[in-house]
PDB file of N, CA and C in Angstrom:
ATOM      1  N   MET A   1      54.360   2.041  28.421  1.00  0.00           N
ATOM      2  CA  MET A   1      53.201   2.443  29.195  1.00  0.00           C
ATOM      3  C   MET A   1      51.971   2.440  28.281  1.00  0.00           C
ATOM      4  N   VAL A   2      50.895   1.879  28.757  1.00  0.00           N
ATOM      5  CA  VAL A   2      49.658   1.787  27.998  1.00  0.00           C
ATOM      6  C   VAL A   2      48.916   3.115  28.088  1.00  0.00           C
ATOM      7  N   SER A   3      48.512   3.622  26.915  1.00  0.00           N
ATOM      8  CA  SER A   3      47.776   4.888  26.923  1.00  0.00           C
ATOM      9  C   SER A   3      46.346   4.668  27.395  1.00  0.00           C
ATOM     10  N   VAL A   4      45.659   5.736  27.687  1.00  0.00           N
ATOM     11  CA  VAL A   4      44.272   5.673  28.145  1.00  0.00           C
ATOM     12  C   VAL A   4      43.396   5.053  27.057  1.00  0.00           C
ATOM     13  N   ILE A   5      43.623   5.444  25.799  1.00  0.00           N
ATOM     14  CA  ILE A   5      42.830   4.898  24.685  1.00  0.00           C
ATOM     15  C   ILE A   5      43.088   3.406  24.540  1.00  0.00           C
ATOM     16  N   ASP A   6      44.352   2.983  24.587  1.00  0.00           N
ATOM     17  CA  ASP A   6      44.680   1.556  24.493  1.00  0.00           C
ATOM     18  C   ASP A   6      43.986   0.763  25.593  1.00  0.00           C
ATOM     19  N   ALA A   7      43.966   1.313  26.794  1.00  0.00           N
ATOM     20  CA  ALA A   7      43.315   0.629  27.917  1.00  0.00           C
ATOM     21  C   ALA A   7      41.815   0.473  27.650  1.00  0.00           C
ATOM     22  N   GLN A   8      41.209   1.451  26.988  1.00  0.00           N
ATOM     23  CA  GLN A   8      39.774   1.366  26.705  1.00  0.00           C
ATOM     24  C   GLN A   8      39.470   0.271  25.690  1.00  0.00           C
ATOM     25  N   PHE A   9      40.386   0.002  24.770  1.00  0.00           N
ATOM     26  CA  PHE A   9      40.184  -1.090  23.829  1.00  0.00           C
ATOM     27  C   PHE A   9      40.279  -2.437  24.545  1.00  0.00           C
ATOM     28  N   ALA A  10      41.123  -2.523  25.545  1.00  0.00           N
ATOM     29  CA  ALA A  10      41.301  -3.775  26.282  1.00  0.00           C
ATOM     30  C   ALA A  10      40.147  -4.025  27.252  1.00  0.00           C
ATOM     31  N   ARG A  11      39.755  -2.992  27.987  1.00  0.00           N
ATOM     32  CA  ARG A  11      38.687  -3.106  28.986  1.00  0.00           C
ATOM     33  C   ARG A  11      37.863  -1.822  28.988  1.00  0.00           C
ATOM     34  N   PRO A  12      36.942  -1.703  28.022  1.00  0.00           N
ATOM     35  CA  PRO A  12      36.179  -0.466  27.925  1.00  0.00           C
ATOM     36  C   PRO A  12      35.272  -0.237  29.128  1.00  0.00           C
ATOM     37  N   ARG A  13      35.208   1.006  29.577  1.00  0.00           N
ATOM     38  CA  ARG A  13      34.310   1.374  30.663  1.00  0.00           C
ATOM     39  C   ARG A  13      34.143   2.892  30.654  1.00  0.00           C
ATOM     40  N   GLY A  14      33.044   3.322  31.178  1.00  0.00           N
ATOM     41  CA  GLY A  14      32.764   4.746  31.248  1.00  0.00           C
ATOM     42  C   GLY A  14      32.431   5.352  29.893  1.00  0.00           C
ATOM     43  N   LEU A  15      32.372   6.669  29.852  1.00  0.00           N
ATOM     44  CA  LEU A  15      32.029   7.401  28.642  1.00  0.00           C
ATOM     45  C   LEU A  15      33.027   7.128  27.516  1.00  0.00           C
ATOM     46  N   LEU A  16      34.304   7.172  27.825  1.00  0.00           N
ATOM     47  CA  LEU A  16      35.324   6.902  26.807  1.00  0.00           C
ATOM     48  C   LEU A  16      35.206   5.470  26.289  1.00  0.00           C
ATOM     49  N   GLY A  17      34.912   4.533  27.161  1.00  0.00           N
ATOM     50  CA  GLY A  17      34.741   3.143  26.753  1.00  0.00           C
ATOM     51  C   GLY A  17      33.563   2.966  25.806  1.00  0.00           C
ATOM     52  N   ARG A  18      32.467   3.664  26.078  1.00  0.00           N
ATOM     53  CA  ARG A  18      31.305   3.590  25.175  1.00  0.00           C
ATOM     54  C   ARG A  18      31.635   4.188  23.820  1.00  0.00           C
ATOM     55  N   LEU A  19      32.378   5.284  23.809  1.00  0.00           N
ATOM     56  CA  LEU A  19      32.784   5.914  22.555  1.00  0.00           C
ATOM     57  C   LEU A  19      33.687   4.981  21.753  1.00  0.00           C
ATOM     58  N   VAL A  20      34.678   4.396  22.407  1.00  0.00           N
ATOM     59  CA  VAL A  20      35.587   3.458  21.745  1.00  0.00           C
ATOM     60  C   VAL A  20      34.797   2.259  21.222  1.00  0.00           C
ATOM     61  N   GLY A  21      33.845   1.758  21.993  1.00  0.00           N
ATOM     62  CA  GLY A  21      33.024   0.634  21.562  1.00  0.00           C
ATOM     63  C   GLY A  21      32.227   0.947  20.314  1.00  0.00           C
ATOM     64  N   ARG A  22      31.677   2.136  20.243  1.00  0.00           N
ATOM     65  CA  ARG A  22      30.906   2.531  19.051  1.00  0.00           C
ATOM     66  C   ARG A  22      31.801   2.648  17.823  1.00  0.00           C
ATOM     67  N   VAL A  23      32.985   3.192  18.008  1.00  0.00           N
ATOM     68  CA  VAL A  23      33.930   3.307  16.890  1.00  0.00           C
ATOM     69  C   VAL A  23      34.326   1.916  16.402  1.00  0.00           C
ATOM     70  N   MET A  24      34.618   1.023  17.328  1.00  0.00           N
ATOM     71  CA  MET A  24      34.993  -0.347  16.951  1.00  0.00           C
ATOM     72  C   MET A  24      33.842  -1.044  16.237  1.00  0.00           C
ATOM     73  N   ALA A  25      32.626  -0.887  16.732  1.00  0.00           N
ATOM     74  CA  ALA A  25      31.465  -1.529  16.113  1.00  0.00           C
ATOM     75  C   ALA A  25      31.272  -1.018  14.697  1.00  0.00           C
ATOM     76  N   ARG A  26      31.385   0.280  14.508  1.00  0.00           N
ATOM     77  CA  ARG A  26      31.219   0.859  13.179  1.00  0.00           C
ATOM     78  C   ARG A  26      32.306   0.363  12.226  1.00  0.00           C
ATOM     79  N   ASP A  27      33.554   0.400  12.670  1.00  0.00           N
ATOM     80  CA  ASP A  27      34.668  -0.010  11.812  1.00  0.00           C
ATOM     81  C   ASP A  27      34.644  -1.504  11.523  1.00  0.00           C
ATOM     82  N   ASN A  28      34.302  -2.314  12.512  1.00  0.00           N
ATOM     83  CA  ASN A  28      34.273  -3.763  12.317  1.00  0.00           C
ATOM     84  C   ASN A  28      33.045  -4.221  11.538  1.00  0.00           C
ATOM     85  N   ALA A  29      32.007  -3.410  11.479  1.00  0.00           N
ATOM     86  CA  ALA A  29      30.783  -3.785  10.777  1.00  0.00           C
ATOM     87  C   ALA A  29      31.039  -4.010   9.292  1.00  0.00           C
ATOM     88  N   VAL A  30      31.949  -3.253   8.705  1.00  0.00           N
ATOM     89  CA  VAL A  30      32.269  -3.422   7.287  1.00  0.00           C
ATOM     90  C   VAL A  30      32.817  -4.826   7.040  1.00  0.00           C
ATOM     91  N   LEU A  31      33.775  -5.228   7.834  1.00  0.00           N
ATOM     92  CA  LEU A  31      34.351  -6.571   7.698  1.00  0.00           C
ATOM     93  C   LEU A  31      33.311  -7.640   8.013  1.00  0.00           C
ATOM     94  N   THR A  32      32.511  -7.415   9.028  1.00  0.00           N
ATOM     95  CA  THR A  32      31.485  -8.394   9.403  1.00  0.00           C
ATOM     96  C   THR A  32      30.484  -8.581   8.268  1.00  0.00           C
ATOM     97  N   ARG A  33      30.075  -7.502   7.633  1.00  0.00           N
ATOM     98  CA  ARG A  33      29.150  -7.617   6.485  1.00  0.00           C
ATOM     99  C   ARG A  33      29.772  -8.434   5.358  1.00  0.00           C
ATOM    100  N   ARG A  34      31.048  -8.217   5.099  1.00  0.00           N
ATOM    101  CA  ARG A  34      31.743  -8.973   4.047  1.00  0.00           C
ATOM    102  C   ARG A  34      31.812 -10.456   4.377  1.00  0.00           C
ATOM    103  N   VAL A  35      32.079 -10.765   5.631  1.00  0.00           N
ATOM    104  CA  VAL A  35      32.166 -12.170   6.043  1.00  0.00           C
ATOM    105  C   VAL A  35      30.812 -12.851   5.894  1.00  0.00           C
ATOM    106  N   VAL A  36      29.747 -12.211   6.361  1.00  0.00           N
ATOM    107  CA  VAL A  36      28.413 -12.799   6.254  1.00  0.00           C
ATOM    108  C   VAL A  36      28.038 -12.974   4.783  1.00  0.00           C
ATOM    109  N   ALA A  37      28.348 -12.001   3.945  1.00  0.00           N
ATOM    110  CA  ALA A  37      28.057 -12.114   2.510  1.00  0.00           C
ATOM    111  C   ALA A  37      28.846 -13.260   1.873  1.00  0.00           C
ATOM    112  N   ALA A  38      30.095 -13.421   2.286  1.00  0.00           N
ATOM    113  CA  ALA A  38      30.946 -14.476   1.725  1.00  0.00           C
ATOM    114  C   ALA A  38      30.443 -15.876   2.092  1.00  0.00           C
ATOM    115  N   LEU A  39      29.680 -15.990   3.168  1.00  0.00           N
ATOM    116  CA  LEU A  39      29.140 -17.292   3.570  1.00  0.00           C
ATOM    117  C   LEU A  39      28.087 -17.802   2.587  1.00  0.00           C
ATOM    118  N   ARG A  40      27.460 -16.897   1.856  1.00  0.00           N
ATOM    119  CA  ARG A  40      26.419 -17.259   0.882  1.00  0.00           C
ATOM    120  C   ARG A  40      25.380 -18.204   1.499  1.00  0.00           C
ATOM    121  N   LEU A  41      24.813 -17.740   2.573  1.00  0.00           N
ATOM    122  CA  LEU A  41      23.846 -18.545   3.316  1.00  0.00           C
ATOM    123  C   LEU A  41      22.548 -18.720   2.530  1.00  0.00           C
ATOM    124  N   ARG A  42      21.956 -19.885   2.631  1.00  0.00           N
ATOM    125  CA  ARG A  42      20.658 -20.179   2.003  1.00  0.00           C
ATOM    126  C   ARG A  42      19.509 -19.677   2.872  1.00  0.00           C
ATOM    127  N   GLY A  43      19.745 -19.586   4.164  1.00  0.00           N
ATOM    128  CA  GLY A  43      18.729 -19.100   5.088  1.00  0.00           C
ATOM    129  C   GLY A  43      18.199 -20.131   6.050  1.00  0.00           C
ATOM    130  N   ASP A  44      18.659 -21.395   5.885  1.00  0.00           N
ATOM    131  CA  ASP A  44      18.161 -22.444   6.779  1.00  0.00           C
ATOM    132  C   ASP A  44      19.283 -23.153   7.530  1.00  0.00           C
ATOM    133  N   GLU A  45      20.481 -22.612   7.475  1.00  0.00           N
ATOM    134  CA  GLU A  45      21.625 -23.231   8.157  1.00  0.00           C
ATOM    135  C   GLU A  45      21.622 -22.920   9.653  1.00  0.00           C
ATOM    136  N   THR A  46      22.494 -23.640  10.342  1.00  0.00           N
ATOM    137  CA  THR A  46      22.793 -23.341  11.738  1.00  0.00           C
ATOM    138  C   THR A  46      24.182 -22.737  11.765  1.00  0.00           C
ATOM    139  N   VAL A  47      24.313 -21.558  12.354  1.00  0.00           N
ATOM    140  CA  VAL A  47      25.575 -20.826  12.363  1.00  0.00           C
ATOM    141  C   VAL A  47      25.910 -20.439  13.797  1.00  0.00           C
ATOM    142  N   VAL A  48      27.171 -20.549  14.143  1.00  0.00           N
ATOM    143  CA  VAL A  48      27.650 -20.095  15.449  1.00  0.00           C
ATOM    144  C   VAL A  48      28.584 -18.922  15.217  1.00  0.00           C
ATOM    145  N   GLU A  49      28.348 -17.835  15.916  1.00  0.00           N
ATOM    146  CA  GLU A  49      29.172 -16.653  15.796  1.00  0.00           C
ATOM    147  C   GLU A  49      29.946 -16.483  17.092  1.00  0.00           C
ATOM    148  N   PHE A  50      31.270 -16.474  16.995  1.00  0.00           N
ATOM    149  CA  PHE A  50      32.130 -16.312  18.161  1.00  0.00           C
ATOM    150  C   PHE A  50      32.769 -14.936  18.119  1.00  0.00           C
ATOM    151  N   GLY A  51      32.953 -14.373  19.271  1.00  0.00           N
ATOM    152  CA  GLY A  51      33.702 -13.138  19.329  1.00  0.00           C
ATOM    153  C   GLY A  51      33.026 -12.099  20.191  1.00  0.00           C
ATOM    154  N   PRO A  52      33.838 -11.226  20.753  1.00  0.00           N
ATOM    155  CA  PRO A  52      33.282 -10.142  21.546  1.00  0.00           C
ATOM    156  C   PRO A  52      32.712  -9.075  20.631  1.00  0.00           C
ATOM    157  N   GLY A  53      31.885  -8.264  21.166  1.00  0.00           N
ATOM    158  CA  GLY A  53      31.356  -7.160  20.377  1.00  0.00           C
ATOM    159  C   GLY A  53      29.924  -6.868  20.703  1.00  0.00           C
ATOM    160  N   PRO A  54      29.389  -5.859  20.036  1.00  0.00           N
ATOM    161  CA  PRO A  54      28.044  -5.399  20.348  1.00  0.00           C
ATOM    162  C   PRO A  54      26.932  -6.161  19.643  1.00  0.00           C
ATOM    163  N   GLY A  55      27.247  -7.199  18.902  1.00  0.00           N
ATOM    164  CA  GLY A  55      26.210  -8.005  18.273  1.00  0.00           C
ATOM    165  C   GLY A  55      25.918  -7.678  16.825  1.00  0.00           C
ATOM    166  N   VAL A  56      26.797  -6.932  16.158  1.00  0.00           N
ATOM    167  CA  VAL A  56      26.592  -6.603  14.751  1.00  0.00           C
ATOM    168  C   VAL A  56      26.489  -7.876  13.919  1.00  0.00           C
ATOM    169  N   GLY A  57      27.400  -8.821  14.151  1.00  0.00           N
ATOM    170  CA  GLY A  57      27.382 -10.080  13.415  1.00  0.00           C
ATOM    171  C   GLY A  57      26.132 -10.895  13.702  1.00  0.00           C
ATOM    172  N   LEU A  58      25.697 -10.906  14.936  1.00  0.00           N
ATOM    173  CA  LEU A  58      24.484 -11.645  15.291  1.00  0.00           C
ATOM    174  C   LEU A  58      23.267 -11.081  14.572  1.00  0.00           C
ATOM    175  N   ARG A  59      23.174  -9.766  14.517  1.00  0.00           N
ATOM    176  CA  ARG A  59      22.042  -9.135  13.836  1.00  0.00           C
ATOM    177  C   ARG A  59      22.054  -9.471  12.348  1.00  0.00           C
ATOM    178  N   LEU A  60      23.215  -9.372  11.718  1.00  0.00           N
ATOM    179  CA  LEU A  60      23.315  -9.680  10.291  1.00  0.00           C
ATOM    180  C   LEU A  60      23.001 -11.146  10.011  1.00  0.00           C
ATOM    181  N   LEU A  61      23.476 -12.034  10.875  1.00  0.00           N
ATOM    182  CA  LEU A  61      23.198 -13.455  10.682  1.00  0.00           C
ATOM    183  C   LEU A  61      21.718 -13.756  10.897  1.00  0.00           C
ATOM    184  N   ALA A  62      21.114 -13.123  11.880  1.00  0.00           N
ATOM    185  CA  ALA A  62      19.675 -13.343  12.112  1.00  0.00           C
ATOM    186  C   ALA A  62      18.860 -12.906  10.903  1.00  0.00           C
ATOM    187  N   GLU A  63      19.249 -11.814  10.279  1.00  0.00           N
ATOM    188  CA  GLU A  63      18.554 -11.346   9.078  1.00  0.00           C
ATOM    189  C   GLU A  63      18.780 -12.303   7.904  1.00  0.00           C
ATOM    190  N   ALA A  64      19.965 -12.908   7.825  1.00  0.00           N
ATOM    191  CA  ALA A  64      20.309 -13.795   6.715  1.00  0.00           C
ATOM    192  C   ALA A  64      19.767 -15.207   6.906  1.00  0.00           C
ATOM    193  N   LEU A  65      19.292 -15.519   8.099  1.00  0.00           N
ATOM    194  CA  LEU A  65      18.850 -16.872   8.421  1.00  0.00           C
ATOM    195  C   LEU A  65      17.388 -16.892   8.901  1.00  0.00           C
ATOM    196  N   PRO A  66      16.452 -16.525   8.065  1.00  0.00           N
ATOM    197  CA  PRO A  66      15.053 -16.483   8.525  1.00  0.00           C
ATOM    198  C   PRO A  66      14.509 -17.839   8.960  1.00  0.00           C
ATOM    199  N   SER A  67      15.047 -18.917   8.408  1.00  0.00           N
ATOM    200  CA  SER A  67      14.596 -20.261   8.800  1.00  0.00           C
ATOM    201  C   SER A  67      15.709 -21.030   9.493  1.00  0.00           C
ATOM    202  N   GLY A  68      16.787 -20.370   9.778  1.00  0.00           N
ATOM    203  CA  GLY A  68      17.944 -21.044  10.380  1.00  0.00           C
ATOM    204  C   GLY A  68      18.064 -20.799  11.869  1.00  0.00           C
ATOM    205  N   ARG A  69      19.194 -21.195  12.374  1.00  0.00           N
ATOM    206  CA  ARG A  69      19.488 -21.029  13.802  1.00  0.00           C
ATOM    207  C   ARG A  69      20.883 -20.481  13.933  1.00  0.00           C
TER     208      ARG A  69
END
């Protein structure tokens, strides 16, 4: 049987879903920062970011790519 918390990770909704989403964004941000740093971007590349989430990776990539796309 799937717990209430597990269900929120699969299909977040409501207050609990927003809380779970914030926890996931915070925890995944560490890994996302490491991945963006490992890319060693020059700032003019074109990068595609795939994946669900609140846009942490998109924000970091936009900051790292002032002349890129």
